[in-house]
């Protein structure tokens, strides 16, 4: 899906990192929504508007990324989720981008996630 038509939800409690991710995505034409935790992100996803990809930190207050992802899978099972983390998350299986990362690494991962055939979301487990 071309960036100009894709909407990405960025979920991270660290505002400075969230801003960097948003700037990189916005710079190539993505529409971006943002949330500082999983609970806020779920409220955004309750809106019927299109979201094509979620980028979510794993370790956040209120609702962490894994609990958030489990809830997303119940209502939007095909929505791809790219996890980002600066901490070790033993046993996590799925798409994970380790902090720190640069804009090019981020955009490559986003392009890979959005180019998957419809109906084949990545799986994650802990």
PDB file of N, CA and C in Angstrom:
ATOM      1  N   UNK A   1       0.847  -1.182   0.000  1.00  0.00           N
ATOM      2  CA  UNK A   1       0.000   0.000   0.000  1.00  0.00           C
ATOM      3  C   UNK A   1       0.886   1.237   0.000  1.00  0.00           C
ATOM      4  N   UNK A   2       0.674   2.174  -0.899  1.00  0.00           N
ATOM      5  CA  UNK A   2       1.476   3.387  -0.927  1.00  0.00           C
ATOM      6  C   UNK A   2       1.306   4.189   0.358  1.00  0.00           C
ATOM      7  N   UNK A   3       2.376   4.829   0.799  1.00  0.00           N
ATOM      8  CA  UNK A   3       2.341   5.603   2.037  1.00  0.00           C
ATOM      9  C   UNK A   3       1.229   6.641   2.022  1.00  0.00           C
ATOM     10  N   UNK A   4       0.971   7.264   0.879  1.00  0.00           N
ATOM     11  CA  UNK A   4      -0.017   8.327   0.814  1.00  0.00           C
ATOM     12  C   UNK A   4      -1.420   7.857   1.193  1.00  0.00           C
ATOM     13  N   UNK A   5      -1.663   6.580   1.143  1.00  0.00           N
ATOM     14  CA  UNK A   5      -2.995   6.071   1.470  1.00  0.00           C
ATOM     15  C   UNK A   5      -3.016   5.284   2.770  1.00  0.00           C
ATOM     16  N   UNK A   6      -1.900   5.143   3.455  1.00  0.00           N
ATOM     17  CA  UNK A   6      -1.854   4.310   4.653  1.00  0.00           C
ATOM     18  C   UNK A   6      -1.868   5.171   5.913  1.00  0.00           C
ATOM     19  N   UNK A   7      -2.611   4.676   6.911  1.00  0.00           N
ATOM     20  CA  UNK A   7      -2.656   5.322   8.218  1.00  0.00           C
ATOM     21  C   UNK A   7      -1.974   4.406   9.220  1.00  0.00           C
ATOM     22  N   UNK A   8      -1.068   4.988  10.002  1.00  0.00           N
ATOM     23  CA  UNK A   8      -0.304   4.244  10.999  1.00  0.00           C
ATOM     24  C   UNK A   8      -0.623   4.806  12.375  1.00  0.00           C
ATOM     25  N   UNK A   9      -0.897   3.917  13.330  1.00  0.00           N
ATOM     26  CA  UNK A   9      -1.109   4.294  14.724  1.00  0.00           C
ATOM     27  C   UNK A   9       0.187   4.022  15.480  1.00  0.00           C
ATOM     28  N   UNK A  10       0.764   5.064  16.068  1.00  0.00           N
ATOM     29  CA  UNK A  10       2.014   4.956  16.829  1.00  0.00           C
ATOM     30  C   UNK A  10       1.672   5.028  18.308  1.00  0.00           C
ATOM     31  N   UNK A  11       2.080   3.996  19.063  1.00  0.00           N
ATOM     32  CA  UNK A  11       1.754   3.890  20.483  1.00  0.00           C
ATOM     33  C   UNK A  11       3.054   3.763  21.270  1.00  0.00           C
ATOM     34  N   UNK A  12       3.402   4.796  22.017  1.00  0.00           N
ATOM     35  CA  UNK A  12       4.626   4.780  22.827  1.00  0.00           C
ATOM     36  C   UNK A  12       4.488   5.821  23.925  1.00  0.00           C
ATOM     37  N   UNK A  13       4.858   5.454  25.143  1.00  0.00           N
ATOM     38  CA  UNK A  13       4.756   6.384  26.257  1.00  0.00           C
ATOM     39  C   UNK A  13       5.889   7.404  26.270  1.00  0.00           C
ATOM     40  N   UNK A  14       6.958   7.153  25.547  1.00  0.00           N
ATOM     41  CA  UNK A  14       8.089   8.074  25.485  1.00  0.00           C
ATOM     42  C   UNK A  14       7.831   9.087  24.372  1.00  0.00           C
ATOM     43  N   UNK A  15       7.460  10.298  24.779  1.00  0.00           N
ATOM     44  CA  UNK A  15       7.037  11.301  23.799  1.00  0.00           C
ATOM     45  C   UNK A  15       8.111  11.622  22.769  1.00  0.00           C
ATOM     46  N   UNK A  16       9.364  11.719  23.193  1.00  0.00           N
ATOM     47  CA  UNK A  16      10.414  12.079  22.234  1.00  0.00           C
ATOM     48  C   UNK A  16      10.564  11.016  21.144  1.00  0.00           C
ATOM     49  N   UNK A  17      10.498   9.757  21.509  1.00  0.00           N
ATOM     50  CA  UNK A  17      10.592   8.691  20.506  1.00  0.00           C
ATOM     51  C   UNK A  17       9.342   8.678  19.623  1.00  0.00           C
ATOM     52  N   UNK A  18       8.188   8.860  20.238  1.00  0.00           N
ATOM     53  CA  UNK A  18       6.944   8.898  19.466  1.00  0.00           C
ATOM     54  C   UNK A  18       7.014  10.006  18.415  1.00  0.00           C
ATOM     55  N   UNK A  19       7.533  11.159  18.791  1.00  0.00           N
ATOM     56  CA  UNK A  19       7.659  12.282  17.859  1.00  0.00           C
ATOM     57  C   UNK A  19       8.624  11.946  16.717  1.00  0.00           C
ATOM     58  N   UNK A  20       9.732  11.277  17.016  1.00  0.00           N
ATOM     59  CA  UNK A  20      10.686  10.892  15.975  1.00  0.00           C
ATOM     60  C   UNK A  20      10.053   9.923  14.978  1.00  0.00           C
ATOM     61  N   UNK A  21       9.311   8.949  15.492  1.00  0.00           N
ATOM     62  CA  UNK A  21       8.646   7.975  14.619  1.00  0.00           C
ATOM     63  C   UNK A  21       7.610   8.679  13.759  1.00  0.00           C
ATOM     64  N   UNK A  22       6.833   9.551  14.364  1.00  0.00           N
ATOM     65  CA  UNK A  22       5.809  10.293  13.627  1.00  0.00           C
ATOM     66  C   UNK A  22       6.446  11.151  12.540  1.00  0.00           C
ATOM     67  N   UNK A  23       7.535  11.824  12.865  1.00  0.00           N
ATOM     68  CA  UNK A  23       8.210  12.677  11.882  1.00  0.00           C
ATOM     69  C   UNK A  23       8.696  11.854  10.687  1.00  0.00           C
ATOM     70  N   UNK A  24       9.275  10.681  10.954  1.00  0.00           N
ATOM     71  CA  UNK A  24       9.760   9.826   9.861  1.00  0.00           C
ATOM     72  C   UNK A  24       8.606   9.375   8.975  1.00  0.00           C
ATOM     73  N   UNK A  25       7.504   8.967   9.585  1.00  0.00           N
ATOM     74  CA  UNK A  25       6.350   8.487   8.824  1.00  0.00           C
ATOM     75  C   UNK A  25       5.687   9.618   8.046  1.00  0.00           C
ATOM     76  N   UNK A  26       5.498  10.728   8.710  1.00  0.00           N
ATOM     77  CA  UNK A  26       4.876  11.884   8.082  1.00  0.00           C
ATOM     78  C   UNK A  26       5.719  12.381   6.902  1.00  0.00           C
ATOM     79  N   UNK A  27       7.025  12.285   7.040  1.00  0.00           N
ATOM     80  CA  UNK A  27       7.928  12.759   6.000  1.00  0.00           C
ATOM     81  C   UNK A  27       7.822  12.017   4.681  1.00  0.00           C
ATOM     82  N   UNK A  28       7.282  10.806   4.709  1.00  0.00           N
ATOM     83  CA  UNK A  28       7.110  10.045   3.460  1.00  0.00           C
ATOM     84  C   UNK A  28       5.637   9.879   3.100  1.00  0.00           C
ATOM     85  N   UNK A  29       4.757  10.629   3.767  1.00  0.00           N
ATOM     86  CA  UNK A  29       3.373  10.683   3.331  1.00  0.00           C
ATOM     87  C   UNK A  29       2.358   9.853   4.080  1.00  0.00           C
ATOM     88  N   UNK A  30       2.742   9.216   5.183  1.00  0.00           N
ATOM     89  CA  UNK A  30       1.764   8.457   5.957  1.00  0.00           C
ATOM     90  C   UNK A  30       0.875   9.396   6.752  1.00  0.00           C
ATOM     91  N   UNK A  31      -0.366   9.012   6.946  1.00  0.00           N
ATOM     92  CA  UNK A  31      -1.234   9.652   7.924  1.00  0.00           C
ATOM     93  C   UNK A  31      -0.918   8.971   9.251  1.00  0.00           C
ATOM     94  N   UNK A  32      -0.808   9.735  10.319  1.00  0.00           N
ATOM     95  CA  UNK A  32      -0.372   9.159  11.591  1.00  0.00           C
ATOM     96  C   UNK A  32      -1.332   9.547  12.703  1.00  0.00           C
ATOM     97  N   UNK A  33      -1.698   8.541  13.497  1.00  0.00           N
ATOM     98  CA  UNK A  33      -2.418   8.735  14.753  1.00  0.00           C
ATOM     99  C   UNK A  33      -1.436   8.399  15.858  1.00  0.00           C
ATOM    100  N   UNK A  34      -1.637   8.959  17.051  1.00  0.00           N
ATOM    101  CA  UNK A  34      -0.709   8.663  18.136  1.00  0.00           C
ATOM    102  C   UNK A  34      -1.425   8.458  19.456  1.00  0.00           C
ATOM    103  N   UNK A  35      -0.799   7.631  20.304  1.00  0.00           N
ATOM    104  CA  UNK A  35      -1.304   7.371  21.650  1.00  0.00           C
ATOM    105  C   UNK A  35      -0.113   7.116  22.560  1.00  0.00           C
ATOM    106  N   UNK A  36      -0.285   7.441  23.849  1.00  0.00           N
ATOM    107  CA  UNK A  36       0.813   7.254  24.789  1.00  0.00           C
ATOM    108  C   UNK A  36       0.710   5.964  25.598  1.00  0.00           C
ATOM    109  N   UNK A  37      -0.328   5.173  25.348  1.00  0.00           N
ATOM    110  CA  UNK A  37      -0.440   3.857  25.984  1.00  0.00           C
ATOM    111  C   UNK A  37      -1.503   3.043  25.247  1.00  0.00           C
ATOM    112  N   UNK A  38      -1.582   1.774  25.583  1.00  0.00           N
ATOM    113  CA  UNK A  38      -2.501   0.878  24.898  1.00  0.00           C
ATOM    114  C   UNK A  38      -3.967   1.224  25.094  1.00  0.00           C
ATOM    115  N   UNK A  39      -4.335   1.695  26.269  1.00  0.00           N
ATOM    116  CA  UNK A  39      -5.737   2.024  26.523  1.00  0.00           C
ATOM    117  C   UNK A  39      -6.193   3.181  25.632  1.00  0.00           C
ATOM    118  N   UNK A  40      -5.359   4.194  25.517  1.00  0.00           N
ATOM    119  CA  UNK A  40      -5.680   5.323  24.640  1.00  0.00           C
ATOM    120  C   UNK A  40      -5.741   4.861  23.187  1.00  0.00           C
ATOM    121  N   UNK A  41      -4.824   3.998  22.803  1.00  0.00           N
ATOM    122  CA  UNK A  41      -4.804   3.482  21.431  1.00  0.00           C
ATOM    123  C   UNK A  41      -6.069   2.697  21.116  1.00  0.00           C
ATOM    124  N   UNK A  42      -6.553   1.918  22.067  1.00  0.00           N
ATOM    125  CA  UNK A  42      -7.798   1.167  21.835  1.00  0.00           C
ATOM    126  C   UNK A  42      -8.966   2.109  21.592  1.00  0.00           C
ATOM    127  N   UNK A  43      -8.996   3.222  22.303  1.00  0.00           N
ATOM    128  CA  UNK A  43     -10.067   4.199  22.069  1.00  0.00           C
ATOM    129  C   UNK A  43      -9.977   4.764  20.653  1.00  0.00           C
ATOM    130  N   UNK A  44      -8.762   4.997  20.170  1.00  0.00           N
ATOM    131  CA  UNK A  44      -8.603   5.477  18.790  1.00  0.00           C
ATOM    132  C   UNK A  44      -9.053   4.425  17.788  1.00  0.00           C
ATOM    133  N   UNK A  45      -8.760   3.165  18.070  1.00  0.00           N
ATOM    134  CA  UNK A  45      -9.158   2.088  17.154  1.00  0.00           C
ATOM    135  C   UNK A  45     -10.659   1.811  17.191  1.00  0.00           C
ATOM    136  N   UNK A  46     -11.346   2.308  18.201  1.00  0.00           N
ATOM    137  CA  UNK A  46     -12.803   2.135  18.262  1.00  0.00           C
ATOM    138  C   UNK A  46     -13.489   2.962  17.176  1.00  0.00           C
ATOM    139  N   UNK A  47     -12.805   4.006  16.708  1.00  0.00           N
ATOM    140  CA  UNK A  47     -13.312   4.805  15.593  1.00  0.00           C
ATOM    141  C   UNK A  47     -13.232   3.934  14.343  1.00  0.00           C
ATOM    142  N   UNK A  48     -14.258   3.914  13.531  1.00  0.00           N
ATOM    143  CA  UNK A  48     -14.253   3.032  12.361  1.00  0.00           C
ATOM    144  C   UNK A  48     -13.298   3.445  11.248  1.00  0.00           C
ATOM    145  N   UNK A  49     -12.588   4.555  11.409  1.00  0.00           N
ATOM    146  CA  UNK A  49     -11.654   4.994  10.370  1.00  0.00           C
ATOM    147  C   UNK A  49     -10.561   3.963  10.131  1.00  0.00           C
ATOM    148  N   UNK A  50      -9.964   4.009   8.943  1.00  0.00           N
ATOM    149  CA  UNK A  50      -8.964   3.002   8.599  1.00  0.00           C
ATOM    150  C   UNK A  50      -7.641   3.204   9.339  1.00  0.00           C
ATOM    151  N   UNK A  51      -7.095   2.122   9.827  1.00  0.00           N
ATOM    152  CA  UNK A  51      -5.733   2.064  10.343  1.00  0.00           C
ATOM    153  C   UNK A  51      -5.121   0.852   9.657  1.00  0.00           C
ATOM    154  N   UNK A  52      -3.976   1.049   9.028  1.00  0.00           N
ATOM    155  CA  UNK A  52      -3.360  -0.014   8.239  1.00  0.00           C
ATOM    156  C   UNK A  52      -2.214  -0.712   8.955  1.00  0.00           C
ATOM    157  N   UNK A  53      -1.658  -0.072   9.990  1.00  0.00           N
ATOM    158  CA  UNK A  53      -0.531  -0.624  10.724  1.00  0.00           C
ATOM    159  C   UNK A  53      -0.484   0.022  12.091  1.00  0.00           C
ATOM    160  N   UNK A  54      -0.105  -0.772  13.094  1.00  0.00           N
ATOM    161  CA  UNK A  54       0.153  -0.262  14.438  1.00  0.00           C
ATOM    162  C   UNK A  54       1.635  -0.456  14.716  1.00  0.00           C
ATOM    163  N   UNK A  55       2.265   0.586  15.249  1.00  0.00           N
ATOM    164  CA  UNK A  55       3.628   0.495  15.770  1.00  0.00           C
ATOM    165  C   UNK A  55       3.501   0.739  17.262  1.00  0.00           C
ATOM    166  N   UNK A  56       3.858  -0.264  18.071  1.00  0.00           N
ATOM    167  CA  UNK A  56       3.621  -0.160  19.504  1.00  0.00           C
ATOM    168  C   UNK A  56       4.843  -0.549  20.327  1.00  0.00           C
ATOM    169  N   UNK A  57       5.149   0.294  21.296  1.00  0.00           N
ATOM    170  CA  UNK A  57       6.120  -0.062  22.312  1.00  0.00           C
ATOM    171  C   UNK A  57       5.551  -1.238  23.097  1.00  0.00           C
ATOM    172  N   UNK A  58       6.410  -1.988  23.729  1.00  0.00           N
ATOM    173  CA  UNK A  58       5.951  -3.119  24.533  1.00  0.00           C
ATOM    174  C   UNK A  58       5.743  -2.716  25.985  1.00  0.00           C
ATOM    175  N   UNK A  59       6.700  -1.998  26.545  1.00  0.00           N
ATOM    176  CA  UNK A  59       6.664  -1.650  27.968  1.00  0.00           C
ATOM    177  C   UNK A  59       6.144  -0.231  28.141  1.00  0.00           C
ATOM    178  N   UNK A  60       4.864  -0.130  28.591  1.00  0.00           N
ATOM    179  CA  UNK A  60       4.222   1.167  28.811  1.00  0.00           C
ATOM    180  C   UNK A  60       3.343   1.073  30.044  1.00  0.00           C
ATOM    181  N   UNK A  61       3.100   2.205  30.701  1.00  0.00           N
ATOM    182  CA  UNK A  61       2.154   2.207  31.818  1.00  0.00           C
ATOM    183  C   UNK A  61       0.713   2.119  31.318  1.00  0.00           C
ATOM    184  N   UNK A  62      -0.200   1.939  32.205  1.00  0.00           N
ATOM    185  CA  UNK A  62      -1.649   1.857  31.986  1.00  0.00           C
ATOM    186  C   UNK A  62      -2.014   0.558  31.273  1.00  0.00           C
ATOM    187  N   UNK A  63      -1.585   0.368  30.039  1.00  0.00           N
ATOM    188  CA  UNK A  63      -1.785  -0.886  29.308  1.00  0.00           C
ATOM    189  C   UNK A  63      -0.561  -1.088  28.436  1.00  0.00           C
ATOM    190  N   UNK A  64       0.169  -2.164  28.693  1.00  0.00           N
ATOM    191  CA  UNK A  64       1.386  -2.376  27.911  1.00  0.00           C
ATOM    192  C   UNK A  64       1.060  -2.848  26.494  1.00  0.00           C
ATOM    193  N   UNK A  65       2.092  -2.912  25.663  1.00  0.00           N
ATOM    194  CA  UNK A  65       1.910  -3.237  24.262  1.00  0.00           C
ATOM    195  C   UNK A  65       1.374  -4.630  24.001  1.00  0.00           C
ATOM    196  N   UNK A  66       1.746  -5.591  24.824  1.00  0.00           N
ATOM    197  CA  UNK A  66       1.266  -6.959  24.602  1.00  0.00           C
ATOM    198  C   UNK A  66      -0.217  -7.099  24.948  1.00  0.00           C
ATOM    199  N   UNK A  67      -0.636  -6.495  26.069  1.00  0.00           N
ATOM    200  CA  UNK A  67      -2.062  -6.519  26.418  1.00  0.00           C
ATOM    201  C   UNK A  67      -2.867  -5.769  25.356  1.00  0.00           C
ATOM    202  N   UNK A  68      -2.338  -4.651  24.896  1.00  0.00           N
ATOM    203  CA  UNK A  68      -2.981  -3.888  23.833  1.00  0.00           C
ATOM    204  C   UNK A  68      -3.120  -4.739  22.568  1.00  0.00           C
ATOM    205  N   UNK A  69      -2.040  -5.421  22.178  1.00  0.00           N
ATOM    206  CA  UNK A  69      -2.061  -6.244  20.957  1.00  0.00           C
ATOM    207  C   UNK A  69      -3.077  -7.378  21.068  1.00  0.00           C
ATOM    208  N   UNK A  70      -3.189  -7.971  22.236  1.00  0.00           N
ATOM    209  CA  UNK A  70      -4.189  -9.038  22.428  1.00  0.00           C
ATOM    210  C   UNK A  70      -5.598  -8.501  22.201  1.00  0.00           C
ATOM    211  N   UNK A  71      -5.866  -7.302  22.700  1.00  0.00           N
ATOM    212  CA  UNK A  71      -7.181  -6.689  22.500  1.00  0.00           C
ATOM    213  C   UNK A  71      -7.415  -6.350  21.029  1.00  0.00           C
ATOM    214  N   UNK A  72      -6.388  -5.850  20.364  1.00  0.00           N
ATOM    215  CA  UNK A  72      -6.505  -5.531  18.935  1.00  0.00           C
ATOM    216  C   UNK A  72      -6.856  -6.795  18.155  1.00  0.00           C
ATOM    217  N   UNK A  73      -6.227  -7.907  18.483  1.00  0.00           N
ATOM    218  CA  UNK A  73      -6.467  -9.170  17.766  1.00  0.00           C
ATOM    219  C   UNK A  73      -7.926  -9.616  17.880  1.00  0.00           C
ATOM    220  N   UNK A  74      -8.599  -9.238  18.966  1.00  0.00           N
ATOM    221  CA  UNK A  74     -10.010  -9.626  19.127  1.00  0.00           C
ATOM    222  C   UNK A  74     -10.916  -8.868  18.159  1.00  0.00           C
ATOM    223  N   UNK A  75     -10.605  -7.607  17.886  1.00  0.00           N
ATOM    224  CA  UNK A  75     -11.499  -6.793  17.055  1.00  0.00           C
ATOM    225  C   UNK A  75     -10.980  -6.562  15.638  1.00  0.00           C
ATOM    226  N   UNK A  76      -9.671  -6.578  15.470  1.00  0.00           N
ATOM    227  CA  UNK A  76      -9.075  -6.356  14.138  1.00  0.00           C
ATOM    228  C   UNK A  76      -7.956  -7.386  13.930  1.00  0.00           C
ATOM    229  N   UNK A  77      -8.325  -8.636  13.748  1.00  0.00           N
ATOM    230  CA  UNK A  77      -7.318  -9.705  13.687  1.00  0.00           C
ATOM    231  C   UNK A  77      -6.330  -9.583  12.529  1.00  0.00           C
ATOM    232  N   UNK A  78      -6.667  -8.868  11.478  1.00  0.00           N
ATOM    233  CA  UNK A  78      -5.777  -8.743  10.328  1.00  0.00           C
ATOM    234  C   UNK A  78      -4.849  -7.526  10.400  1.00  0.00           C
ATOM    235  N   UNK A  79      -5.012  -6.683  11.409  1.00  0.00           N
ATOM    236  CA  UNK A  79      -4.220  -5.462  11.513  1.00  0.00           C
ATOM    237  C   UNK A  79      -2.784  -5.789  11.920  1.00  0.00           C
ATOM    238  N   UNK A  80      -1.798  -5.467  11.079  1.00  0.00           N
ATOM    239  CA  UNK A  80      -0.409  -5.768  11.430  1.00  0.00           C
ATOM    240  C   UNK A  80       0.088  -4.879  12.575  1.00  0.00           C
ATOM    241  N   UNK A  81       0.920  -5.478  13.428  1.00  0.00           N
ATOM    242  CA  UNK A  81       1.490  -4.771  14.576  1.00  0.00           C
ATOM    243  C   UNK A  81       3.000  -4.945  14.544  1.00  0.00           C
ATOM    244  N   UNK A  82       3.700  -3.817  14.551  1.00  0.00           N
ATOM    245  CA  UNK A  82       5.153  -3.805  14.648  1.00  0.00           C
ATOM    246  C   UNK A  82       5.500  -3.354  16.062  1.00  0.00           C
ATOM    247  N   UNK A  83       6.127  -4.239  16.832  1.00  0.00           N
ATOM    248  CA  UNK A  83       6.535  -3.890  18.187  1.00  0.00           C
ATOM    249  C   UNK A  83       7.870  -3.172  18.151  1.00  0.00           C
ATOM    250  N   UNK A  84       8.034  -2.190  19.051  1.00  0.00           N
ATOM    251  CA  UNK A  84       9.322  -1.542  19.251  1.00  0.00           C
ATOM    252  C   UNK A  84       9.649  -1.631  20.734  1.00  0.00           C
ATOM    253  N   UNK A  85      10.909  -1.900  21.040  1.00  0.00           N
ATOM    254  CA  UNK A  85      11.296  -2.016  22.439  1.00  0.00           C
ATOM    255  C   UNK A  85      12.782  -1.775  22.623  1.00  0.00           C
ATOM    256  N   UNK A  86      13.115  -1.252  23.772  1.00  0.00           N
ATOM    257  CA  UNK A  86      14.501  -1.069  24.146  1.00  0.00           C
ATOM    258  C   UNK A  86      14.934  -2.071  25.187  1.00  0.00           C
ATOM    259  N   UNK A  87      14.005  -2.898  25.632  1.00  0.00           N
ATOM    260  CA  UNK A  87      14.291  -3.906  26.653  1.00  0.00           C
ATOM    261  C   UNK A  87      14.180  -5.297  26.053  1.00  0.00           C
ATOM    262  N   UNK A  88      14.807  -6.220  26.704  1.00  0.00           N
ATOM    263  CA  UNK A  88      14.670  -7.613  26.289  1.00  0.00           C
ATOM    264  C   UNK A  88      13.256  -8.079  26.608  1.00  0.00           C
ATOM    265  N   UNK A  89      12.693  -8.842  25.729  1.00  0.00           N
ATOM    266  CA  UNK A  89      11.367  -9.421  25.928  1.00  0.00           C
ATOM    267  C   UNK A  89      11.464 -10.899  25.585  1.00  0.00           C
ATOM    268  N   UNK A  90      11.987 -11.698  26.530  1.00  0.00           N
ATOM    269  CA  UNK A  90      12.199 -13.114  26.260  1.00  0.00           C
ATOM    270  C   UNK A  90      10.916 -13.807  25.797  1.00  0.00           C
ATOM    271  N   UNK A  91      11.054 -14.618  24.787  1.00  0.00           N
ATOM    272  CA  UNK A  91       9.928 -15.414  24.321  1.00  0.00           C
ATOM    273  C   UNK A  91       8.995 -14.696  23.372  1.00  0.00           C
ATOM    274  N   UNK A  92       9.218 -13.408  23.116  1.00  0.00           N
ATOM    275  CA  UNK A  92       8.353 -12.684  22.195  1.00  0.00           C
ATOM    276  C   UNK A  92       8.644 -13.133  20.773  1.00  0.00           C
ATOM    277  N   UNK A  93       7.588 -13.497  20.075  1.00  0.00           N
ATOM    278  CA  UNK A  93       7.714 -13.910  18.682  1.00  0.00           C
ATOM    279  C   UNK A  93       6.862 -12.963  17.849  1.00  0.00           C
ATOM    280  N   UNK A  94       7.407 -12.448  16.785  1.00  0.00           N
ATOM    281  CA  UNK A  94       6.682 -11.537  15.915  1.00  0.00           C
ATOM    282  C   UNK A  94       7.629 -10.477  15.411  1.00  0.00           C
ATOM    283  N   UNK A  95       7.087  -9.462  14.771  1.00  0.00           N
ATOM    284  CA  UNK A  95       7.895  -8.365  14.244  1.00  0.00           C
ATOM    285  C   UNK A  95       8.307  -7.448  15.388  1.00  0.00           C
ATOM    286  N   UNK A  96       9.611  -7.320  15.616  1.00  0.00           N
ATOM    287  CA  UNK A  96      10.131  -6.489  16.701  1.00  0.00           C
ATOM    288  C   UNK A  96      11.274  -5.639  16.170  1.00  0.00           C
ATOM    289  N   UNK A  97      11.204  -4.356  16.428  1.00  0.00           N
ATOM    290  CA  UNK A  97      12.267  -3.429  16.086  1.00  0.00           C
ATOM    291  C   UNK A  97      12.910  -3.005  17.403  1.00  0.00           C
ATOM    292  N   UNK A  98      14.209  -3.256  17.534  1.00  0.00           N
ATOM    293  CA  UNK A  98      14.918  -2.953  18.775  1.00  0.00           C
ATOM    294  C   UNK A  98      15.382  -1.500  18.780  1.00  0.00           C
ATOM    295  N   UNK A  99      15.111  -0.801  19.883  1.00  0.00           N
ATOM    296  CA  UNK A  99      15.595   0.561  20.074  1.00  0.00           C
ATOM    297  C   UNK A  99      17.070   0.485  20.458  1.00  0.00           C
ATOM    298  N   UNK A 100      17.889   1.403  20.045  1.00  0.00           N
ATOM    299  CA  UNK A 100      17.584   2.519  19.148  1.00  0.00           C
ATOM    300  C   UNK A 100      17.588   2.064  17.692  1.00  0.00           C
ATOM    301  N   UNK A 101      16.815   2.727  16.884  1.00  0.00           N
ATOM    302  CA  UNK A 101      16.782   2.460  15.450  1.00  0.00           C
ATOM    303  C   UNK A 101      16.679   3.798  14.729  1.00  0.00           C
ATOM    304  N   UNK A 102      17.114   3.823  13.500  1.00  0.00           N
ATOM    305  CA  UNK A 102      17.060   5.039  12.697  1.00  0.00           C
ATOM    306  C   UNK A 102      15.844   5.061  11.803  1.00  0.00           C
ATOM    307  N   UNK A 103      15.584   6.204  11.190  1.00  0.00           N
ATOM    308  CA  UNK A 103      14.431   6.335  10.302  1.00  0.00           C
ATOM    309  C   UNK A 103      14.430   5.325   9.156  1.00  0.00           C
ATOM    310  N   UNK A 104      15.582   5.057   8.574  1.00  0.00           N
ATOM    311  CA  UNK A 104      15.631   4.108   7.454  1.00  0.00           C
ATOM    312  C   UNK A 104      15.225   2.712   7.888  1.00  0.00           C
ATOM    313  N   UNK A 105      15.689   2.286   9.051  1.00  0.00           N
ATOM    314  CA  UNK A 105      15.332   0.964   9.574  1.00  0.00           C
ATOM    315  C   UNK A 105      13.830   0.899   9.847  1.00  0.00           C
ATOM    316  N   UNK A 106      13.304   1.956  10.436  1.00  0.00           N
ATOM    317  CA  UNK A 106      11.865   2.030  10.709  1.00  0.00           C
ATOM    318  C   UNK A 106      11.067   1.947   9.419  1.00  0.00           C
ATOM    319  N   UNK A 107      11.414   2.763   8.437  1.00  0.00           N
ATOM    320  CA  UNK A 107      10.645   2.810   7.190  1.00  0.00           C
ATOM    321  C   UNK A 107      10.749   1.505   6.415  1.00  0.00           C
ATOM    322  N   UNK A 108      11.880   0.827   6.494  1.00  0.00           N
ATOM    323  CA  UNK A 108      12.023  -0.485   5.852  1.00  0.00           C
ATOM    324  C   UNK A 108      11.083  -1.489   6.510  1.00  0.00           C
ATOM    325  N   UNK A 109      11.028  -1.494   7.838  1.00  0.00           N
ATOM    326  CA  UNK A 109      10.136  -2.419   8.556  1.00  0.00           C
ATOM    327  C   UNK A 109       8.671  -2.111   8.250  1.00  0.00           C
ATOM    328  N   UNK A 110       8.318  -0.838   8.195  1.00  0.00           N
ATOM    329  CA  UNK A 110       6.944  -0.437   7.884  1.00  0.00           C
ATOM    330  C   UNK A 110       6.570  -0.889   6.472  1.00  0.00           C
ATOM    331  N   UNK A 111       7.454  -0.664   5.512  1.00  0.00           N
ATOM    332  CA  UNK A 111       7.173  -1.080   4.133  1.00  0.00           C
ATOM    333  C   UNK A 111       6.992  -2.589   4.053  1.00  0.00           C
ATOM    334  N   UNK A 112       7.819  -3.329   4.775  1.00  0.00           N
ATOM    335  CA  UNK A 112       7.706  -4.793   4.778  1.00  0.00           C
ATOM    336  C   UNK A 112       6.360  -5.232   5.359  1.00  0.00           C
ATOM    337  N   UNK A 113       5.953  -4.613   6.447  1.00  0.00           N
ATOM    338  CA  UNK A 113       4.686  -4.983   7.086  1.00  0.00           C
ATOM    339  C   UNK A 113       3.496  -4.652   6.181  1.00  0.00           C
ATOM    340  N   UNK A 114       3.536  -3.521   5.517  1.00  0.00           N
ATOM    341  CA  UNK A 114       2.417  -3.109   4.677  1.00  0.00           C
ATOM    342  C   UNK A 114       2.364  -3.849   3.348  1.00  0.00           C
ATOM    343  N   UNK A 115       3.445  -4.481   2.960  1.00  0.00           N
ATOM    344  CA  UNK A 115       3.462  -5.188   1.676  1.00  0.00           C
ATOM    345  C   UNK A 115       3.005  -6.641   1.790  1.00  0.00           C
ATOM    346  N   UNK A 116       2.714  -7.092   2.990  1.00  0.00           N
ATOM    347  CA  UNK A 116       2.228  -8.465   3.154  1.00  0.00           C
ATOM    348  C   UNK A 116       0.864  -8.615   2.500  1.00  0.00           C
ATOM    349  N   UNK A 117       0.602  -9.783   1.942  1.00  0.00           N
ATOM    350  CA  UNK A 117      -0.722 -10.014   1.346  1.00  0.00           C
ATOM    351  C   UNK A 117      -1.827  -9.884   2.396  1.00  0.00           C
ATOM    352  N   UNK A 118      -2.956  -9.378   1.973  1.00  0.00           N
ATOM    353  CA  UNK A 118      -4.103  -9.250   2.878  1.00  0.00           C
ATOM    354  C   UNK A 118      -4.462 -10.609   3.450  1.00  0.00           C
ATOM    355  N   UNK A 119      -4.825 -10.602   4.704  1.00  0.00           N
ATOM    356  CA  UNK A 119      -5.248 -11.837   5.346  1.00  0.00           C
ATOM    357  C   UNK A 119      -4.112 -12.645   5.935  1.00  0.00           C
ATOM    358  N   UNK A 120      -2.880 -12.106   5.933  1.00  0.00           N
ATOM    359  CA  UNK A 120      -1.751 -12.826   6.510  1.00  0.00           C
ATOM    360  C   UNK A 120      -1.036 -11.955   7.532  1.00  0.00           C
ATOM    361  N   UNK A 121      -1.678 -11.675   8.654  1.00  0.00           N
ATOM    362  CA  UNK A 121      -1.020 -10.845   9.659  1.00  0.00           C
ATOM    363  C   UNK A 121       0.137 -11.605  10.293  1.00  0.00           C
ATOM    364  N   UNK A 122       1.097 -10.846  10.809  1.00  0.00           N
ATOM    365  CA  UNK A 122       2.171 -11.519  11.542  1.00  0.00           C
ATOM    366  C   UNK A 122       1.592 -12.057  12.832  1.00  0.00           C
ATOM    367  N   UNK A 123       2.187 -13.070  13.337  1.00  0.00           N
ATOM    368  CA  UNK A 123       1.714 -13.587  14.614  1.00  0.00           C
ATOM    369  C   UNK A 123       2.662 -13.115  15.701  1.00  0.00           C
ATOM    370  N   UNK A 124       2.161 -13.037  16.883  1.00  0.00           N
ATOM    371  CA  UNK A 124       3.014 -12.722  18.015  1.00  0.00           C
ATOM    372  C   UNK A 124       2.578 -13.613  19.156  1.00  0.00           C
ATOM    373  N   UNK A 125       3.497 -13.897  20.023  1.00  0.00           N
ATOM    374  CA  UNK A 125       3.155 -14.642  21.220  1.00  0.00           C
ATOM    375  C   UNK A 125       4.194 -14.344  22.274  1.00  0.00           C
ATOM    376  N   UNK A 126       3.825 -14.613  23.510  1.00  0.00           N
ATOM    377  CA  UNK A 126       4.770 -14.474  24.604  1.00  0.00           C
ATOM    378  C   UNK A 126       4.708 -15.730  25.430  1.00  0.00           C
TER     379      UNK A 126
END
